[in-house]
Amino acid sequence: MKRYCLALDLVNDPDLIKEYEIMHQQVWPEIQESITSAGIDAMEIYRYGNRLFMIMEVNGKFSFENKGAMDASNEKVQEWEKLMWKYQQAIPGSKPGEKWVLMDKIFDLKA
């Protein structure tokens, strides 16, 4: 199993951050299905201030290209992503329109 870690920022507004957390306690079933059907076996999101950190564990079926294509053709995912931009903002150094940014692994205790 492969693991990816990504980062994203939220708009630095306590009310919006609270709403965002509530939305993620009630993630739409279609979104959960889109995640698992893309080959993502586990996903966790952590927050510190307005910085988010996501850990994804994926199987051999997963690729970022495939997930992107699946999401682009899924109306419900597009609706969710549009709604999430109310709460999210690009992390410094990201490309225009880029949301979650892949982080580089720099240490592994077991390596």
N, C-alpha and C. Protein backbone atom coordinates (compact mmCIF):
# COMPACT_ATOMS: atom_id res chain seq x y z
N MET A 1 0.84 -1.17 0.00
CA MET A 1 0.00 0.00 0.00
C MET A 1 0.90 1.25 0.00
N LYS A 2 0.53 2.21 -0.80
CA LYS A 2 1.29 3.45 -0.91
C LYS A 2 0.57 4.56 -0.14
N ARG A 3 1.34 5.49 0.41
CA ARG A 3 0.78 6.59 1.18
C ARG A 3 1.20 7.92 0.55
N TYR A 4 0.24 8.83 0.46
CA TYR A 4 0.49 10.20 -0.01
C TYR A 4 0.06 11.16 1.07
N CYS A 5 0.80 12.25 1.22
CA CYS A 5 0.46 13.31 2.17
C CYS A 5 0.35 14.61 1.39
N LEU A 6 -0.72 15.34 1.66
CA LEU A 6 -0.99 16.58 0.94
C LEU A 6 -1.37 17.68 1.91
N ALA A 7 -1.20 18.93 1.47
CA ALA A 7 -1.52 20.08 2.31
C ALA A 7 -2.41 21.05 1.55
N LEU A 8 -3.20 21.80 2.30
CA LEU A 8 -4.10 22.82 1.76
C LEU A 8 -4.42 23.79 2.89
N ASP A 9 -4.71 25.02 2.56
CA ASP A 9 -5.11 26.00 3.58
C ASP A 9 -6.60 26.26 3.51
N LEU A 10 -7.15 26.62 4.66
CA LEU A 10 -8.52 27.10 4.74
C LEU A 10 -8.49 28.62 4.82
N VAL A 11 -9.58 29.25 4.42
CA VAL A 11 -9.73 30.68 4.64
C VAL A 11 -9.64 30.88 6.15
N ASN A 12 -8.85 31.84 6.57
CA ASN A 12 -8.59 32.02 8.00
C ASN A 12 -9.73 32.78 8.67
N ASP A 13 -10.87 32.10 8.80
CA ASP A 13 -12.07 32.65 9.40
C ASP A 13 -12.66 31.56 10.30
N PRO A 14 -12.71 31.80 11.62
CA PRO A 14 -13.17 30.76 12.55
C PRO A 14 -14.55 30.19 12.22
N ASP A 15 -15.47 31.02 11.76
CA ASP A 15 -16.81 30.53 11.42
C ASP A 15 -16.77 29.60 10.20
N LEU A 16 -16.00 29.98 9.18
CA LEU A 16 -15.88 29.13 8.00
C LEU A 16 -15.15 27.83 8.33
N ILE A 17 -14.14 27.91 9.18
CA ILE A 17 -13.42 26.69 9.58
C ILE A 17 -14.36 25.74 10.31
N LYS A 18 -15.19 26.28 11.18
CA LYS A 18 -16.17 25.44 11.90
C LYS A 18 -17.14 24.78 10.92
N GLU A 19 -17.64 25.56 9.95
CA GLU A 19 -18.55 25.01 8.93
C GLU A 19 -17.86 23.90 8.14
N TYR A 20 -16.60 24.12 7.78
CA TYR A 20 -15.84 23.14 7.01
C TYR A 20 -15.73 21.83 7.79
N GLU A 21 -15.44 21.93 9.07
CA GLU A 21 -15.34 20.72 9.88
C GLU A 21 -16.69 20.00 9.97
N ILE A 22 -17.77 20.75 10.11
CA ILE A 22 -19.10 20.14 10.14
C ILE A 22 -19.38 19.43 8.81
N MET A 23 -19.04 20.07 7.69
CA MET A 23 -19.24 19.45 6.37
C MET A 23 -18.49 18.11 6.28
N HIS A 24 -17.33 18.03 6.92
CA HIS A 24 -16.53 16.81 6.84
C HIS A 24 -16.94 15.75 7.86
N GLN A 25 -17.89 16.07 8.70
CA GLN A 25 -18.50 15.06 9.57
C GLN A 25 -19.73 14.48 8.89
N GLN A 26 -20.12 15.09 7.75
CA GLN A 26 -21.30 14.68 7.00
C GLN A 26 -20.99 14.62 5.51
N VAL A 27 -19.85 14.06 5.15
CA VAL A 27 -19.44 14.01 3.74
C VAL A 27 -20.50 13.24 2.94
N TRP A 28 -20.88 13.82 1.82
CA TRP A 28 -21.91 13.21 0.98
C TRP A 28 -21.49 11.79 0.58
N PRO A 29 -22.45 10.86 0.55
CA PRO A 29 -22.13 9.47 0.18
C PRO A 29 -21.51 9.37 -1.22
N GLU A 30 -21.92 10.22 -2.14
CA GLU A 30 -21.36 10.19 -3.50
C GLU A 30 -19.88 10.56 -3.49
N ILE A 31 -19.49 11.41 -2.57
CA ILE A 31 -18.09 11.81 -2.45
C ILE A 31 -17.28 10.65 -1.87
N GLN A 32 -17.82 10.03 -0.84
CA GLN A 32 -17.14 8.87 -0.26
C GLN A 32 -16.97 7.77 -1.30
N GLU A 33 -18.01 7.55 -2.11
CA GLU A 33 -17.94 6.53 -3.16
C GLU A 33 -16.88 6.90 -4.20
N SER A 34 -16.79 8.17 -4.56
CA SER A 34 -15.79 8.59 -5.55
C SER A 34 -14.37 8.39 -5.03
N ILE A 35 -14.20 8.53 -3.74
CA ILE A 35 -12.88 8.34 -3.11
C ILE A 35 -12.50 6.86 -3.15
N THR A 36 -13.38 6.00 -2.67
CA THR A 36 -13.04 4.58 -2.60
C THR A 36 -12.96 3.93 -3.98
N SER A 37 -13.81 4.36 -4.90
CA SER A 37 -13.78 3.75 -6.23
C SER A 37 -12.53 4.13 -7.02
N ALA A 38 -11.83 5.18 -6.59
CA ALA A 38 -10.60 5.60 -7.24
C ALA A 38 -9.39 4.82 -6.74
N GLY A 39 -9.60 3.95 -5.74
CA GLY A 39 -8.49 3.17 -5.21
C GLY A 39 -7.89 3.72 -3.93
N ILE A 40 -8.62 4.62 -3.28
CA ILE A 40 -8.16 5.16 -2.00
C ILE A 40 -8.78 4.31 -0.90
N ASP A 41 -7.94 3.62 -0.15
CA ASP A 41 -8.42 2.71 0.89
C ASP A 41 -8.62 3.41 2.24
N ALA A 42 -7.84 4.44 2.48
CA ALA A 42 -7.95 5.18 3.75
C ALA A 42 -7.59 6.63 3.50
N MET A 43 -8.30 7.52 4.20
CA MET A 43 -8.03 8.95 4.08
C MET A 43 -8.32 9.61 5.42
N GLU A 44 -7.38 10.44 5.85
CA GLU A 44 -7.56 11.22 7.07
C GLU A 44 -7.17 12.66 6.76
N ILE A 45 -7.87 13.61 7.39
CA ILE A 45 -7.52 15.02 7.27
C ILE A 45 -7.34 15.58 8.67
N TYR A 46 -6.23 16.28 8.87
CA TYR A 46 -5.92 16.92 10.14
C TYR A 46 -5.84 18.43 9.91
N ARG A 47 -6.09 19.20 10.98
CA ARG A 47 -6.04 20.65 10.88
C ARG A 47 -5.21 21.24 12.00
N TYR A 48 -4.40 22.23 11.64
CA TYR A 48 -3.71 23.07 12.62
C TYR A 48 -3.94 24.51 12.17
N GLY A 49 -4.67 25.28 12.98
CA GLY A 49 -5.03 26.64 12.55
C GLY A 49 -5.85 26.54 11.28
N ASN A 50 -5.38 27.18 10.23
CA ASN A 50 -6.09 27.08 8.96
C ASN A 50 -5.37 26.17 7.95
N ARG A 51 -4.35 25.44 8.40
CA ARG A 51 -3.60 24.51 7.54
C ARG A 51 -4.17 23.11 7.68
N LEU A 52 -4.45 22.48 6.53
CA LEU A 52 -4.94 21.11 6.49
C LEU A 52 -3.83 20.18 6.02
N PHE A 53 -3.86 18.96 6.53
CA PHE A 53 -2.91 17.92 6.17
C PHE A 53 -3.70 16.65 5.92
N MET A 54 -3.59 16.08 4.72
CA MET A 54 -4.33 14.87 4.35
C MET A 54 -3.37 13.71 4.16
N ILE A 55 -3.74 12.57 4.71
CA ILE A 55 -2.99 11.33 4.49
C ILE A 55 -3.91 10.38 3.73
N MET A 56 -3.43 9.88 2.59
CA MET A 56 -4.19 8.91 1.80
C MET A 56 -3.38 7.64 1.68
N GLU A 57 -4.02 6.51 1.92
CA GLU A 57 -3.41 5.22 1.65
C GLU A 57 -4.17 4.63 0.46
N VAL A 58 -3.41 4.27 -0.57
CA VAL A 58 -4.02 3.87 -1.83
C VAL A 58 -3.56 2.48 -2.25
N ASN A 59 -4.37 1.85 -3.09
CA ASN A 59 -4.00 0.55 -3.63
C ASN A 59 -3.48 0.73 -5.07
N GLY A 60 -3.18 -0.37 -5.73
CA GLY A 60 -2.61 -0.33 -7.07
C GLY A 60 -3.50 0.27 -8.13
N LYS A 61 -4.77 0.39 -7.86
CA LYS A 61 -5.73 0.97 -8.80
C LYS A 61 -5.61 2.50 -8.87
N PHE A 62 -5.03 3.12 -7.84
CA PHE A 62 -5.03 4.58 -7.74
C PHE A 62 -3.94 5.24 -8.58
N SER A 63 -4.33 6.36 -9.21
CA SER A 63 -3.37 7.32 -9.78
C SER A 63 -4.03 8.69 -9.70
N PHE A 64 -3.22 9.72 -9.56
CA PHE A 64 -3.76 11.08 -9.51
C PHE A 64 -4.45 11.44 -10.83
N GLU A 65 -3.90 10.95 -11.94
CA GLU A 65 -4.49 11.23 -13.24
C GLU A 65 -5.88 10.60 -13.37
N ASN A 66 -5.99 9.34 -12.96
CA ASN A 66 -7.27 8.65 -13.02
C ASN A 66 -8.30 9.31 -12.09
N LYS A 67 -7.87 9.66 -10.89
CA LYS A 67 -8.78 10.31 -9.93
C LYS A 67 -9.25 11.65 -10.49
N GLY A 68 -8.34 12.42 -11.09
CA GLY A 68 -8.71 13.70 -11.69
C GLY A 68 -9.73 13.54 -12.80
N ALA A 69 -9.52 12.54 -13.65
CA ALA A 69 -10.46 12.29 -14.76
C ALA A 69 -11.83 11.85 -14.22
N MET A 70 -11.81 10.98 -13.22
CA MET A 70 -13.07 10.53 -12.62
C MET A 70 -13.82 11.70 -12.01
N ASP A 71 -13.10 12.56 -11.29
CA ASP A 71 -13.73 13.71 -10.65
C ASP A 71 -14.29 14.69 -11.66
N ALA A 72 -13.57 14.90 -12.75
CA ALA A 72 -14.00 15.86 -13.78
C ALA A 72 -15.30 15.42 -14.43
N SER A 73 -15.54 14.12 -14.49
CA SER A 73 -16.76 13.62 -15.13
C SER A 73 -17.88 13.32 -14.13
N ASN A 74 -17.67 13.62 -12.86
CA ASN A 74 -18.66 13.34 -11.83
C ASN A 74 -19.30 14.64 -11.37
N GLU A 75 -20.56 14.83 -11.72
CA GLU A 75 -21.29 16.06 -11.41
C GLU A 75 -21.33 16.36 -9.91
N LYS A 76 -21.54 15.33 -9.11
CA LYS A 76 -21.64 15.52 -7.66
C LYS A 76 -20.29 15.92 -7.07
N VAL A 77 -19.21 15.34 -7.56
CA VAL A 77 -17.88 15.73 -7.09
C VAL A 77 -17.61 17.18 -7.46
N GLN A 78 -18.00 17.58 -8.67
CA GLN A 78 -17.80 18.97 -9.09
C GLN A 78 -18.60 19.93 -8.21
N GLU A 79 -19.81 19.53 -7.84
CA GLU A 79 -20.64 20.34 -6.94
C GLU A 79 -19.96 20.48 -5.56
N TRP A 80 -19.44 19.36 -5.04
CA TRP A 80 -18.74 19.35 -3.74
C TRP A 80 -17.51 20.25 -3.79
N GLU A 81 -16.70 20.09 -4.85
CA GLU A 81 -15.47 20.87 -4.97
C GLU A 81 -15.76 22.36 -5.06
N LYS A 82 -16.80 22.72 -5.78
CA LYS A 82 -17.18 24.13 -5.87
C LYS A 82 -17.58 24.66 -4.50
N LEU A 83 -18.33 23.88 -3.75
CA LEU A 83 -18.74 24.26 -2.40
C LEU A 83 -17.52 24.38 -1.48
N MET A 84 -16.55 23.48 -1.60
CA MET A 84 -15.38 23.50 -0.73
C MET A 84 -14.51 24.74 -0.94
N TRP A 85 -14.52 25.31 -2.16
CA TRP A 85 -13.72 26.52 -2.42
C TRP A 85 -14.20 27.69 -1.58
N LYS A 86 -15.41 27.62 -1.05
CA LYS A 86 -15.89 28.66 -0.13
C LYS A 86 -15.00 28.69 1.12
N TYR A 87 -14.48 27.55 1.49
CA TYR A 87 -13.71 27.39 2.72
C TYR A 87 -12.20 27.34 2.48
N GLN A 88 -11.80 26.90 1.30
CA GLN A 88 -10.40 26.61 1.03
C GLN A 88 -9.72 27.77 0.30
N GLN A 89 -8.40 27.83 0.45
CA GLN A 89 -7.59 28.75 -0.35
C GLN A 89 -6.29 28.05 -0.70
N ALA A 90 -5.74 28.44 -1.81
CA ALA A 90 -4.51 27.80 -2.27
C ALA A 90 -3.38 28.02 -1.26
N ILE A 91 -2.58 27.01 -1.09
CA ILE A 91 -1.43 27.09 -0.21
C ILE A 91 -0.34 27.92 -0.91
N PRO A 92 0.44 28.72 -0.17
CA PRO A 92 1.51 29.49 -0.81
C PRO A 92 2.42 28.60 -1.65
N GLY A 93 2.73 29.05 -2.84
CA GLY A 93 3.59 28.30 -3.74
C GLY A 93 2.87 27.33 -4.66
N SER A 94 1.55 27.20 -4.51
CA SER A 94 0.81 26.29 -5.38
C SER A 94 0.55 26.95 -6.74
N LYS A 95 0.22 26.12 -7.71
CA LYS A 95 -0.10 26.61 -9.05
C LYS A 95 -1.52 27.19 -9.06
N PRO A 96 -1.81 28.10 -9.98
CA PRO A 96 -3.17 28.66 -10.06
C PRO A 96 -4.23 27.56 -10.18
N GLY A 97 -5.26 27.63 -9.34
CA GLY A 97 -6.34 26.65 -9.36
C GLY A 97 -6.03 25.34 -8.66
N GLU A 98 -4.81 25.16 -8.20
CA GLU A 98 -4.41 23.92 -7.53
C GLU A 98 -4.91 23.93 -6.09
N LYS A 99 -5.48 22.83 -5.68
CA LYS A 99 -5.96 22.71 -4.31
C LYS A 99 -4.92 21.99 -3.47
N TRP A 100 -5.17 20.73 -3.21
CA TRP A 100 -4.27 19.93 -2.39
C TRP A 100 -2.91 19.81 -3.06
N VAL A 101 -1.85 20.07 -2.32
CA VAL A 101 -0.48 20.03 -2.84
C VAL A 101 0.23 18.83 -2.21
N LEU A 102 0.82 18.02 -3.06
CA LEU A 102 1.56 16.83 -2.62
C LEU A 102 2.80 17.26 -1.84
N MET A 103 2.99 16.66 -0.68
CA MET A 103 4.14 16.97 0.17
C MET A 103 5.26 15.96 -0.08
N ASP A 104 6.49 16.40 0.08
CA ASP A 104 7.65 15.52 -0.06
C ASP A 104 7.97 14.87 1.28
N LYS A 105 8.19 13.56 1.24
CA LYS A 105 8.59 12.83 2.44
C LYS A 105 10.07 13.08 2.68
N ILE A 106 10.40 13.53 3.88
CA ILE A 106 11.80 13.84 4.18
C ILE A 106 12.39 12.98 5.29
N PHE A 107 11.55 12.18 5.98
CA PHE A 107 12.04 11.34 7.06
C PHE A 107 11.13 10.14 7.23
N ASP A 108 11.73 9.00 7.53
CA ASP A 108 10.99 7.78 7.82
C ASP A 108 11.75 7.03 8.90
N LEU A 109 11.18 6.91 10.09
CA LEU A 109 11.81 6.24 11.21
C LEU A 109 12.18 4.80 10.87
N LYS A 110 11.37 4.16 10.03
CA LYS A 110 11.58 2.74 9.71
C LYS A 110 12.50 2.51 8.52
N ALA A 111 12.97 3.58 7.90
CA ALA A 111 13.82 3.41 6.71
C ALA A 111 15.26 3.11 7.10
